[in-house]
């Protein structure tokens, strides 16, 4: 049985779907989706990556509330971050980067604590953190796919927050809601 909070979240998805159906600008659409996902998951930050050819992901939108970052999309400053490679120098799929891995596997990846994680290379994240005095901890990365199941990008949320503003792992019950939101976006992108 679905509890009241889940029922409310699903009703919210219907409202979001209706609002998105009127959106004509891709940057506005992606920004709206990222903001809704951040709100649903109570995340401090979020990024939309889109494919740049077959071998890389480019940063399309980067948001971080506590750092005051708004880049890309319709309203943000230009993004100067380097692309995320989908393939290694040897031409093999890049499974070391969490966003690249989500695209390569075509599945959602949840990381509770990046410092304790051994599957992914968070060296770029650690450099970002050191440069800005931040601590990236929890990640939720959802691939964006076409109707034919081709990955076109990733929606990534960063640092879920509890009611006191403390960083926590992303609650597993939020994952299906964020995946449903990305399905709305995928259908909309394809139909436009």
N, C-alpha and C. Protein backbone atom coordinates (compact mmCIF):
# COMPACT_ATOMS: atom_id res chain seq x y z
N UNK A 1 0.84 -1.18 0.00
CA UNK A 1 0.00 0.00 0.00
C UNK A 1 0.89 1.25 0.00
N UNK A 2 0.47 2.27 -0.70
CA UNK A 2 1.20 3.53 -0.81
C UNK A 2 0.81 4.43 0.36
N UNK A 3 1.80 4.98 1.07
CA UNK A 3 1.47 5.87 2.18
C UNK A 3 1.14 7.26 1.63
N UNK A 4 0.69 8.13 2.52
CA UNK A 4 0.24 9.47 2.10
C UNK A 4 1.36 10.29 1.46
N UNK A 5 2.57 10.19 2.00
CA UNK A 5 3.70 10.94 1.43
C UNK A 5 3.98 10.49 0.00
N UNK A 6 3.97 9.17 -0.24
CA UNK A 6 4.20 8.67 -1.60
C UNK A 6 3.06 9.07 -2.52
N UNK A 7 1.83 8.97 -2.04
CA UNK A 7 0.67 9.37 -2.86
C UNK A 7 0.78 10.84 -3.24
N UNK A 8 1.18 11.66 -2.29
CA UNK A 8 1.37 13.09 -2.57
C UNK A 8 2.47 13.31 -3.60
N UNK A 9 3.56 12.55 -3.47
CA UNK A 9 4.67 12.68 -4.43
C UNK A 9 4.21 12.27 -5.83
N UNK A 10 3.44 11.22 -5.93
CA UNK A 10 2.96 10.79 -7.25
C UNK A 10 1.97 11.80 -7.83
N UNK A 11 1.14 12.39 -6.98
CA UNK A 11 0.25 13.46 -7.47
C UNK A 11 1.08 14.63 -7.97
N UNK A 12 2.19 14.91 -7.25
CA UNK A 12 3.09 15.97 -7.69
C UNK A 12 3.70 15.66 -9.05
N UNK A 13 4.03 14.39 -9.29
CA UNK A 13 4.57 14.00 -10.61
C UNK A 13 3.58 14.30 -11.73
N UNK A 14 2.31 14.05 -11.47
CA UNK A 14 1.28 14.34 -12.47
C UNK A 14 1.24 15.84 -12.75
N UNK A 15 1.29 16.65 -11.69
CA UNK A 15 1.31 18.10 -11.87
C UNK A 15 2.54 18.55 -12.65
N UNK A 16 3.70 17.97 -12.32
CA UNK A 16 4.93 18.31 -13.03
C UNK A 16 4.81 17.93 -14.50
N UNK A 17 4.27 16.75 -14.77
CA UNK A 17 4.09 16.30 -16.16
C UNK A 17 3.23 17.27 -16.95
N UNK A 18 2.18 17.76 -16.33
CA UNK A 18 1.32 18.74 -17.00
C UNK A 18 2.07 20.04 -17.27
N UNK A 19 2.84 20.50 -16.29
CA UNK A 19 3.61 21.74 -16.48
C UNK A 19 4.67 21.56 -17.55
N UNK A 20 5.32 20.41 -17.57
CA UNK A 20 6.37 20.17 -18.56
C UNK A 20 5.82 20.08 -19.98
N UNK A 21 4.58 19.62 -20.11
CA UNK A 21 4.01 19.46 -21.45
C UNK A 21 3.89 20.80 -22.17
N UNK A 22 3.85 21.89 -21.42
CA UNK A 22 3.73 23.22 -22.03
C UNK A 22 5.10 23.83 -22.36
N UNK A 23 6.18 23.25 -21.83
CA UNK A 23 7.51 23.83 -22.00
C UNK A 23 8.06 23.55 -23.39
N UNK A 24 8.53 24.59 -24.07
CA UNK A 24 9.06 24.45 -25.43
C UNK A 24 10.59 24.53 -25.48
N UNK A 25 11.21 25.19 -24.50
CA UNK A 25 12.65 25.41 -24.50
C UNK A 25 13.34 24.28 -23.74
N UNK A 26 14.29 23.57 -24.39
CA UNK A 26 14.96 22.43 -23.78
C UNK A 26 15.71 22.82 -22.51
N UNK A 27 16.44 23.94 -22.52
CA UNK A 27 17.16 24.37 -21.33
C UNK A 27 16.19 24.62 -20.17
N UNK A 28 15.06 25.26 -20.44
CA UNK A 28 14.07 25.51 -19.40
C UNK A 28 13.49 24.20 -18.88
N UNK A 29 13.22 23.29 -19.79
CA UNK A 29 12.67 21.99 -19.41
C UNK A 29 13.64 21.25 -18.48
N UNK A 30 14.91 21.16 -18.88
CA UNK A 30 15.90 20.44 -18.07
C UNK A 30 16.11 21.12 -16.72
N UNK A 31 16.12 22.44 -16.72
CA UNK A 31 16.28 23.18 -15.46
C UNK A 31 15.11 22.91 -14.53
N UNK A 32 13.91 22.91 -15.09
CA UNK A 32 12.70 22.64 -14.30
C UNK A 32 12.76 21.22 -13.72
N UNK A 33 13.15 20.26 -14.53
CA UNK A 33 13.24 18.87 -14.07
C UNK A 33 14.27 18.74 -12.96
N UNK A 34 15.44 19.36 -13.14
CA UNK A 34 16.49 19.26 -12.12
C UNK A 34 16.02 19.92 -10.81
N UNK A 35 15.40 21.06 -10.90
CA UNK A 35 14.90 21.73 -9.70
C UNK A 35 13.84 20.88 -8.99
N UNK A 36 12.96 20.26 -9.75
CA UNK A 36 11.94 19.39 -9.15
C UNK A 36 12.59 18.18 -8.50
N UNK A 37 13.57 17.57 -9.16
CA UNK A 37 14.25 16.40 -8.59
C UNK A 37 14.98 16.79 -7.31
N UNK A 38 15.67 17.93 -7.32
CA UNK A 38 16.36 18.40 -6.11
C UNK A 38 15.38 18.60 -4.97
N UNK A 39 14.24 19.17 -5.27
CA UNK A 39 13.23 19.42 -4.26
C UNK A 39 12.66 18.11 -3.71
N UNK A 40 12.32 17.19 -4.61
CA UNK A 40 11.76 15.90 -4.19
C UNK A 40 12.71 15.13 -3.28
N UNK A 41 14.01 15.21 -3.58
CA UNK A 41 15.01 14.44 -2.83
C UNK A 41 15.66 15.26 -1.72
N UNK A 42 15.29 16.52 -1.59
CA UNK A 42 15.92 17.45 -0.64
C UNK A 42 17.45 17.40 -0.80
N UNK A 43 17.89 17.57 -2.05
CA UNK A 43 19.31 17.53 -2.38
C UNK A 43 19.91 18.93 -2.38
N UNK A 44 21.16 19.02 -1.95
CA UNK A 44 21.87 20.30 -1.94
C UNK A 44 22.30 20.71 -3.34
N UNK A 45 22.61 19.75 -4.19
CA UNK A 45 23.08 20.07 -5.52
C UNK A 45 22.54 19.11 -6.56
N UNK A 46 22.73 19.50 -7.81
CA UNK A 46 22.30 18.64 -8.91
C UNK A 46 22.95 19.07 -10.20
N UNK A 47 23.07 18.09 -11.09
CA UNK A 47 23.69 18.32 -12.39
C UNK A 47 22.91 17.56 -13.45
N UNK A 48 22.80 18.19 -14.62
CA UNK A 48 22.32 17.48 -15.81
C UNK A 48 23.51 17.41 -16.75
N UNK A 49 23.84 16.19 -17.16
CA UNK A 49 24.86 15.95 -18.19
C UNK A 49 24.14 15.50 -19.44
N UNK A 50 24.57 15.98 -20.60
CA UNK A 50 24.03 15.51 -21.87
C UNK A 50 25.17 14.97 -22.73
N UNK A 51 24.84 14.03 -23.57
CA UNK A 51 25.87 13.44 -24.43
C UNK A 51 26.44 14.51 -25.35
N UNK A 52 27.76 14.47 -25.49
CA UNK A 52 28.48 15.32 -26.44
C UNK A 52 29.13 14.33 -27.42
N UNK A 53 28.40 13.95 -28.44
CA UNK A 53 28.86 12.90 -29.33
C UNK A 53 28.72 11.56 -28.64
N UNK A 54 29.44 10.56 -29.12
CA UNK A 54 29.29 9.23 -28.54
C UNK A 54 30.28 8.94 -27.43
N UNK A 55 31.29 9.80 -27.24
CA UNK A 55 32.36 9.49 -26.31
C UNK A 55 32.44 10.37 -25.07
N UNK A 56 31.49 11.29 -24.87
CA UNK A 56 31.60 12.19 -23.72
C UNK A 56 30.23 12.69 -23.27
N UNK A 57 30.20 13.15 -22.02
CA UNK A 57 29.06 13.86 -21.46
C UNK A 57 29.49 15.28 -21.17
N UNK A 58 28.66 16.24 -21.52
CA UNK A 58 28.96 17.63 -21.20
C UNK A 58 28.04 18.09 -20.08
N UNK A 59 28.56 18.98 -19.25
CA UNK A 59 27.75 19.57 -18.20
C UNK A 59 26.75 20.51 -18.87
N UNK A 60 25.46 20.29 -18.62
CA UNK A 60 24.43 21.14 -19.18
C UNK A 60 23.91 22.12 -18.13
N UNK A 61 23.73 21.63 -16.91
CA UNK A 61 23.27 22.46 -15.80
C UNK A 61 23.97 21.99 -14.53
N UNK A 62 24.46 22.93 -13.74
CA UNK A 62 25.09 22.63 -12.45
C UNK A 62 24.48 23.58 -11.42
N UNK A 63 23.90 23.00 -10.36
CA UNK A 63 23.30 23.79 -9.29
C UNK A 63 23.83 23.29 -7.95
N UNK A 64 24.11 24.20 -7.04
CA UNK A 64 24.48 23.83 -5.69
C UNK A 64 24.04 24.95 -4.76
N UNK A 65 23.10 24.64 -3.90
CA UNK A 65 22.52 25.66 -3.03
C UNK A 65 23.52 26.23 -2.03
N UNK A 66 24.22 25.36 -1.29
CA UNK A 66 25.09 25.88 -0.24
C UNK A 66 26.31 26.61 -0.80
N UNK A 67 26.71 26.28 -2.04
CA UNK A 67 27.83 27.00 -2.67
C UNK A 67 27.36 28.18 -3.52
N UNK A 68 26.05 28.32 -3.69
CA UNK A 68 25.51 29.41 -4.49
C UNK A 68 25.86 29.30 -5.97
N UNK A 69 25.94 28.07 -6.48
CA UNK A 69 26.31 27.86 -7.89
C UNK A 69 25.06 27.65 -8.73
N UNK A 70 24.94 28.42 -9.78
CA UNK A 70 23.90 28.26 -10.79
C UNK A 70 24.58 28.45 -12.14
N UNK A 71 24.84 27.34 -12.82
CA UNK A 71 25.53 27.40 -14.11
C UNK A 71 24.74 26.61 -15.15
N UNK A 72 24.81 27.10 -16.36
CA UNK A 72 24.15 26.43 -17.48
C UNK A 72 22.66 26.64 -17.47
N UNK A 73 21.98 25.84 -18.27
CA UNK A 73 20.53 25.96 -18.37
C UNK A 73 20.13 27.29 -18.95
N UNK A 74 18.95 27.72 -18.59
CA UNK A 74 18.40 28.96 -19.13
C UNK A 74 18.89 30.19 -18.39
N UNK A 75 19.15 30.04 -17.09
CA UNK A 75 19.42 31.23 -16.28
C UNK A 75 20.81 31.29 -15.68
N UNK A 76 21.60 30.24 -15.79
CA UNK A 76 22.88 30.20 -15.10
C UNK A 76 24.04 30.78 -15.88
N UNK A 77 25.14 30.94 -15.18
CA UNK A 77 26.39 31.38 -15.80
C UNK A 77 26.91 30.27 -16.72
N UNK A 78 27.80 30.61 -17.66
CA UNK A 78 28.38 29.57 -18.53
C UNK A 78 29.15 28.53 -17.71
N UNK A 79 29.15 27.30 -18.20
CA UNK A 79 29.87 26.20 -17.54
C UNK A 79 31.23 26.04 -18.22
N UNK A 80 32.27 25.97 -17.41
CA UNK A 80 33.62 25.80 -17.96
C UNK A 80 34.25 24.47 -17.53
N UNK A 81 33.46 23.59 -16.93
CA UNK A 81 33.98 22.29 -16.50
C UNK A 81 34.24 21.39 -17.70
N UNK A 82 35.26 20.55 -17.62
CA UNK A 82 35.57 19.66 -18.75
C UNK A 82 34.52 18.56 -18.90
N UNK A 83 34.41 18.02 -20.11
CA UNK A 83 33.49 16.92 -20.37
C UNK A 83 33.89 15.70 -19.55
N UNK A 84 32.93 14.83 -19.30
CA UNK A 84 33.17 13.54 -18.65
C UNK A 84 33.28 12.51 -19.77
N UNK A 85 34.39 11.82 -19.82
CA UNK A 85 34.62 10.85 -20.89
C UNK A 85 33.81 9.58 -20.64
N UNK A 86 33.18 9.09 -21.71
CA UNK A 86 32.43 7.84 -21.65
C UNK A 86 33.31 6.64 -21.96
N UNK A 87 34.48 6.90 -22.53
CA UNK A 87 35.42 5.83 -22.86
C UNK A 87 36.80 6.18 -22.32
N UNK A 88 37.58 5.15 -22.02
CA UNK A 88 38.94 5.34 -21.52
C UNK A 88 39.88 5.62 -22.69
N UNK A 89 41.11 5.93 -22.38
CA UNK A 89 42.13 6.15 -23.42
C UNK A 89 42.32 4.90 -24.27
N UNK A 90 42.01 3.74 -23.70
CA UNK A 90 42.13 2.47 -24.44
C UNK A 90 40.89 2.16 -25.27
N UNK A 91 39.89 3.06 -25.24
CA UNK A 91 38.68 2.85 -26.02
C UNK A 91 37.65 1.96 -25.36
N UNK A 92 37.81 1.67 -24.08
CA UNK A 92 36.87 0.83 -23.34
C UNK A 92 35.87 1.73 -22.60
N UNK A 93 34.68 1.20 -22.29
CA UNK A 93 33.71 1.99 -21.53
C UNK A 93 34.28 2.47 -20.20
N UNK A 94 34.00 3.72 -19.87
CA UNK A 94 34.47 4.31 -18.61
C UNK A 94 33.45 4.01 -17.51
N UNK A 95 33.81 3.05 -16.66
CA UNK A 95 32.97 2.71 -15.51
C UNK A 95 33.48 3.34 -14.22
N UNK A 96 34.58 4.09 -14.30
CA UNK A 96 35.19 4.66 -13.10
C UNK A 96 34.48 5.93 -12.63
N UNK A 97 33.84 6.66 -13.53
CA UNK A 97 33.13 7.88 -13.19
C UNK A 97 31.65 7.53 -13.01
N UNK A 98 31.03 8.02 -11.94
CA UNK A 98 29.66 7.63 -11.63
C UNK A 98 28.66 8.04 -12.72
N UNK A 99 28.80 9.24 -13.28
CA UNK A 99 27.88 9.68 -14.34
C UNK A 99 28.09 8.85 -15.60
N UNK A 100 29.34 8.63 -15.96
CA UNK A 100 29.65 7.81 -17.13
C UNK A 100 29.14 6.38 -16.94
N UNK A 101 29.33 5.85 -15.76
CA UNK A 101 28.89 4.49 -15.46
C UNK A 101 27.37 4.36 -15.56
N UNK A 102 26.63 5.36 -15.08
CA UNK A 102 25.17 5.33 -15.17
C UNK A 102 24.73 5.27 -16.63
N UNK A 103 25.44 6.00 -17.51
CA UNK A 103 25.13 5.95 -18.94
C UNK A 103 25.51 4.58 -19.51
N UNK A 104 26.72 4.12 -19.21
CA UNK A 104 27.20 2.86 -19.76
C UNK A 104 26.33 1.68 -19.33
N UNK A 105 25.93 1.65 -18.08
CA UNK A 105 25.09 0.56 -17.57
C UNK A 105 23.62 0.77 -17.88
N UNK A 106 23.23 2.04 -18.08
CA UNK A 106 21.83 2.35 -18.32
C UNK A 106 20.98 2.15 -17.07
N UNK A 107 21.58 2.35 -15.91
CA UNK A 107 20.85 2.12 -14.67
C UNK A 107 21.18 3.19 -13.63
N UNK A 108 20.26 3.35 -12.70
CA UNK A 108 20.43 4.29 -11.60
C UNK A 108 21.50 3.79 -10.65
N UNK A 109 22.34 4.72 -10.19
CA UNK A 109 23.39 4.38 -9.22
C UNK A 109 23.23 5.30 -8.02
N UNK A 110 23.23 4.68 -6.83
CA UNK A 110 23.14 5.42 -5.58
C UNK A 110 24.41 5.16 -4.79
N UNK A 111 25.07 6.24 -4.37
CA UNK A 111 26.26 6.13 -3.53
C UNK A 111 25.96 6.86 -2.23
N UNK A 112 26.08 6.13 -1.11
CA UNK A 112 25.78 6.71 0.19
C UNK A 112 26.90 7.61 0.70
N UNK A 113 28.16 7.21 0.48
CA UNK A 113 29.29 7.98 0.97
C UNK A 113 30.46 7.85 0.00
N UNK A 114 30.70 8.91 -0.75
CA UNK A 114 31.75 8.89 -1.78
C UNK A 114 33.12 8.61 -1.18
N UNK A 115 33.36 9.01 0.05
CA UNK A 115 34.67 8.78 0.69
C UNK A 115 34.91 7.30 0.96
N UNK A 116 33.84 6.55 1.19
CA UNK A 116 33.98 5.12 1.48
C UNK A 116 33.81 4.26 0.23
N UNK A 117 33.39 4.86 -0.86
CA UNK A 117 33.12 4.13 -2.10
C UNK A 117 34.42 3.74 -2.79
N UNK A 118 34.51 2.50 -3.24
CA UNK A 118 35.72 2.02 -3.92
C UNK A 118 35.48 1.72 -5.40
N UNK A 119 34.23 1.66 -5.82
CA UNK A 119 33.94 1.31 -7.22
C UNK A 119 34.23 2.46 -8.18
N UNK A 120 34.06 3.69 -7.72
CA UNK A 120 34.17 4.84 -8.61
C UNK A 120 35.36 5.73 -8.24
N UNK A 121 35.88 6.41 -9.25
CA UNK A 121 36.99 7.34 -9.06
C UNK A 121 36.40 8.72 -8.78
N UNK A 122 36.47 9.16 -7.56
CA UNK A 122 35.95 10.46 -7.18
C UNK A 122 37.05 11.50 -7.10
N UNK A 123 38.15 11.32 -7.84
CA UNK A 123 39.26 12.28 -7.76
C UNK A 123 38.84 13.66 -8.25
N UNK A 124 38.06 13.72 -9.31
CA UNK A 124 37.57 15.01 -9.80
C UNK A 124 36.66 15.67 -8.78
N UNK A 125 35.82 14.87 -8.15
CA UNK A 125 34.93 15.37 -7.11
C UNK A 125 35.74 15.90 -5.93
N UNK A 126 36.77 15.16 -5.53
CA UNK A 126 37.59 15.60 -4.40
C UNK A 126 38.32 16.91 -4.74
N UNK A 127 38.78 17.06 -5.98
CA UNK A 127 39.44 18.32 -6.39
C UNK A 127 38.45 19.47 -6.31
N UNK A 128 37.23 19.25 -6.80
CA UNK A 128 36.16 20.25 -6.72
C UNK A 128 35.91 20.62 -5.26
N UNK A 129 35.79 19.60 -4.41
CA UNK A 129 35.53 19.83 -2.99
C UNK A 129 36.64 20.65 -2.34
N UNK A 130 37.89 20.28 -2.60
CA UNK A 130 39.03 20.99 -2.00
C UNK A 130 39.09 22.44 -2.46
N UNK A 131 38.82 22.65 -3.74
CA UNK A 131 38.88 23.98 -4.30
C UNK A 131 37.82 24.90 -3.69
N UNK A 132 36.62 24.32 -3.39
CA UNK A 132 35.52 25.14 -2.93
C UNK A 132 35.17 24.95 -1.46
N UNK A 133 35.94 24.14 -0.74
CA UNK A 133 35.64 23.91 0.67
C UNK A 133 34.32 23.21 0.89
N UNK A 134 34.05 22.21 0.10
CA UNK A 134 32.79 21.48 0.13
C UNK A 134 33.07 20.01 0.42
N UNK A 135 32.05 19.24 0.74
CA UNK A 135 32.21 17.80 0.90
C UNK A 135 31.06 17.09 0.19
N UNK A 136 31.36 16.54 -0.98
CA UNK A 136 30.39 15.74 -1.73
C UNK A 136 30.33 14.36 -1.09
N UNK A 137 29.15 13.95 -0.67
CA UNK A 137 29.03 12.69 0.06
C UNK A 137 28.08 11.73 -0.65
N UNK A 138 26.80 12.07 -0.69
CA UNK A 138 25.82 11.14 -1.27
C UNK A 138 25.45 11.56 -2.69
N UNK A 139 25.30 10.54 -3.55
CA UNK A 139 25.00 10.76 -4.97
C UNK A 139 23.83 9.89 -5.39
N UNK A 140 23.01 10.42 -6.28
CA UNK A 140 21.94 9.68 -6.94
C UNK A 140 22.02 10.04 -8.42
N UNK A 141 22.41 9.07 -9.25
CA UNK A 141 22.64 9.30 -10.68
C UNK A 141 21.66 8.47 -11.50
N UNK A 142 20.82 9.15 -12.28
CA UNK A 142 19.78 8.49 -13.06
C UNK A 142 20.02 8.77 -14.54
N UNK A 143 20.19 7.72 -15.35
CA UNK A 143 20.39 7.95 -16.78
C UNK A 143 19.13 8.51 -17.44
N UNK A 144 19.32 9.41 -18.37
CA UNK A 144 18.23 9.90 -19.22
C UNK A 144 18.29 9.10 -20.50
N UNK A 145 17.17 8.50 -20.88
CA UNK A 145 17.16 7.62 -22.05
C UNK A 145 16.07 8.01 -23.03
N UNK A 146 16.27 7.61 -24.28
CA UNK A 146 15.24 7.77 -25.29
C UNK A 146 14.28 6.59 -25.19
N UNK A 147 13.21 6.64 -25.96
CA UNK A 147 12.24 5.55 -25.97
C UNK A 147 12.88 4.24 -26.45
N UNK A 148 13.93 4.34 -27.25
CA UNK A 148 14.62 3.14 -27.73
C UNK A 148 15.71 2.70 -26.75
N UNK A 149 15.70 3.26 -25.53
CA UNK A 149 16.60 2.89 -24.45
C UNK A 149 18.04 3.37 -24.65
N UNK A 150 18.26 4.33 -25.53
CA UNK A 150 19.59 4.90 -25.73
C UNK A 150 19.81 5.99 -24.69
N UNK A 151 20.94 5.92 -23.98
CA UNK A 151 21.25 6.93 -22.97
C UNK A 151 21.65 8.24 -23.63
N UNK A 152 20.98 9.32 -23.22
CA UNK A 152 21.28 10.64 -23.79
C UNK A 152 21.90 11.57 -22.75
N UNK A 153 21.99 11.10 -21.52
CA UNK A 153 22.57 11.93 -20.47
C UNK A 153 22.30 11.35 -19.10
N UNK A 154 22.53 12.18 -18.08
CA UNK A 154 22.36 11.77 -16.69
C UNK A 154 21.83 12.94 -15.88
N UNK A 155 20.90 12.64 -15.00
CA UNK A 155 20.49 13.57 -13.96
C UNK A 155 21.17 13.07 -12.69
N UNK A 156 21.96 13.93 -12.07
CA UNK A 156 22.69 13.53 -10.86
C UNK A 156 22.38 14.49 -9.72
N UNK A 157 21.99 13.92 -8.59
CA UNK A 157 21.73 14.70 -7.38
C UNK A 157 22.86 14.48 -6.39
N UNK A 158 23.13 15.49 -5.59
CA UNK A 158 24.26 15.48 -4.68
C UNK A 158 23.83 15.88 -3.28
N UNK A 159 24.25 15.12 -2.32
CA UNK A 159 24.06 15.42 -0.90
C UNK A 159 22.60 15.62 -0.50
N UNK A 160 21.94 14.49 -0.23
CA UNK A 160 20.61 14.54 0.36
C UNK A 160 20.75 15.16 1.75
N UNK A 161 19.76 15.95 2.14
CA UNK A 161 19.80 16.64 3.43
C UNK A 161 18.62 16.21 4.29
N UNK A 162 18.87 16.02 5.59
CA UNK A 162 17.76 15.73 6.50
C UNK A 162 17.11 17.04 6.93
N UNK A 163 16.14 16.96 7.83
CA UNK A 163 15.40 18.16 8.25
C UNK A 163 16.27 19.17 8.99
N UNK A 164 17.45 18.73 9.46
CA UNK A 164 18.38 19.65 10.14
C UNK A 164 19.47 20.17 9.22
N UNK A 165 19.41 19.81 7.95
CA UNK A 165 20.41 20.26 7.00
C UNK A 165 21.68 19.43 7.00
N UNK A 166 21.66 18.28 7.67
CA UNK A 166 22.81 17.37 7.69
C UNK A 166 22.77 16.45 6.48
N UNK A 167 23.93 16.16 5.90
CA UNK A 167 24.00 15.28 4.74
C UNK A 167 23.73 13.84 5.16
N UNK A 168 22.85 13.19 4.39
CA UNK A 168 22.48 11.80 4.64
C UNK A 168 22.50 11.05 3.31
N UNK A 169 22.48 9.71 3.35
CA UNK A 169 22.30 8.96 2.10
C UNK A 169 20.92 9.26 1.51
N UNK A 170 20.81 9.14 0.19
CA UNK A 170 19.50 9.32 -0.43
C UNK A 170 18.58 8.18 0.00
N UNK A 171 17.39 8.50 0.53
CA UNK A 171 16.46 7.45 0.91
C UNK A 171 16.08 6.62 -0.33
N UNK A 172 16.11 5.32 -0.20
CA UNK A 172 15.84 4.44 -1.35
C UNK A 172 14.43 4.62 -1.89
N UNK A 173 13.49 5.03 -1.04
CA UNK A 173 12.11 5.19 -1.52
C UNK A 173 11.95 6.38 -2.47
N UNK A 174 12.93 7.30 -2.49
CA UNK A 174 12.85 8.44 -3.41
C UNK A 174 13.29 8.05 -4.82
N UNK A 175 14.07 6.99 -4.94
CA UNK A 175 14.64 6.59 -6.23
C UNK A 175 13.57 6.38 -7.31
N UNK A 176 12.49 5.61 -7.05
CA UNK A 176 11.47 5.44 -8.09
C UNK A 176 10.80 6.75 -8.51
N UNK A 177 10.67 7.68 -7.57
CA UNK A 177 10.07 8.98 -7.90
C UNK A 177 10.97 9.79 -8.84
N UNK A 178 12.27 9.80 -8.56
CA UNK A 178 13.20 10.54 -9.42
C UNK A 178 13.27 9.85 -10.79
N UNK A 179 13.27 8.53 -10.81
CA UNK A 179 13.26 7.81 -12.09
C UNK A 179 12.00 8.13 -12.88
N UNK A 180 10.85 8.21 -12.20
CA UNK A 180 9.60 8.57 -12.88
C UNK A 180 9.68 9.98 -13.44
N UNK A 181 10.27 10.89 -12.70
CA UNK A 181 10.44 12.26 -13.18
C UNK A 181 11.30 12.29 -14.44
N UNK A 182 12.38 11.50 -14.47
CA UNK A 182 13.22 11.48 -15.67
C UNK A 182 12.47 10.86 -16.84
N UNK A 183 11.57 9.92 -16.58
CA UNK A 183 10.76 9.34 -17.66
C UNK A 183 9.86 10.40 -18.28
N UNK A 184 9.31 11.27 -17.43
CA UNK A 184 8.50 12.38 -17.94
C UNK A 184 9.35 13.27 -18.84
N UNK A 185 10.58 13.55 -18.41
CA UNK A 185 11.45 14.43 -19.18
C UNK A 185 11.84 13.78 -20.50
N UNK A 186 12.14 12.48 -20.47
CA UNK A 186 12.54 11.79 -21.68
C UNK A 186 11.44 11.80 -22.72
N UNK A 187 10.21 11.51 -22.27
CA UNK A 187 9.09 11.51 -23.20
C UNK A 187 8.89 12.90 -23.78
N UNK A 188 9.02 13.92 -22.94
CA UNK A 188 8.83 15.29 -23.39
C UNK A 188 9.92 15.70 -24.40
N UNK A 189 11.16 15.38 -24.11
CA UNK A 189 12.26 15.73 -25.01
C UNK A 189 12.05 15.09 -26.37
N UNK A 190 11.64 13.84 -26.38
CA UNK A 190 11.44 13.11 -27.63
C UNK A 190 10.27 13.69 -28.42
N UNK A 191 9.20 14.07 -27.72
CA UNK A 191 8.00 14.57 -28.39
C UNK A 191 8.18 15.99 -28.91
N UNK A 192 9.11 16.74 -28.37
CA UNK A 192 9.29 18.13 -28.82
C UNK A 192 10.06 18.12 -30.06
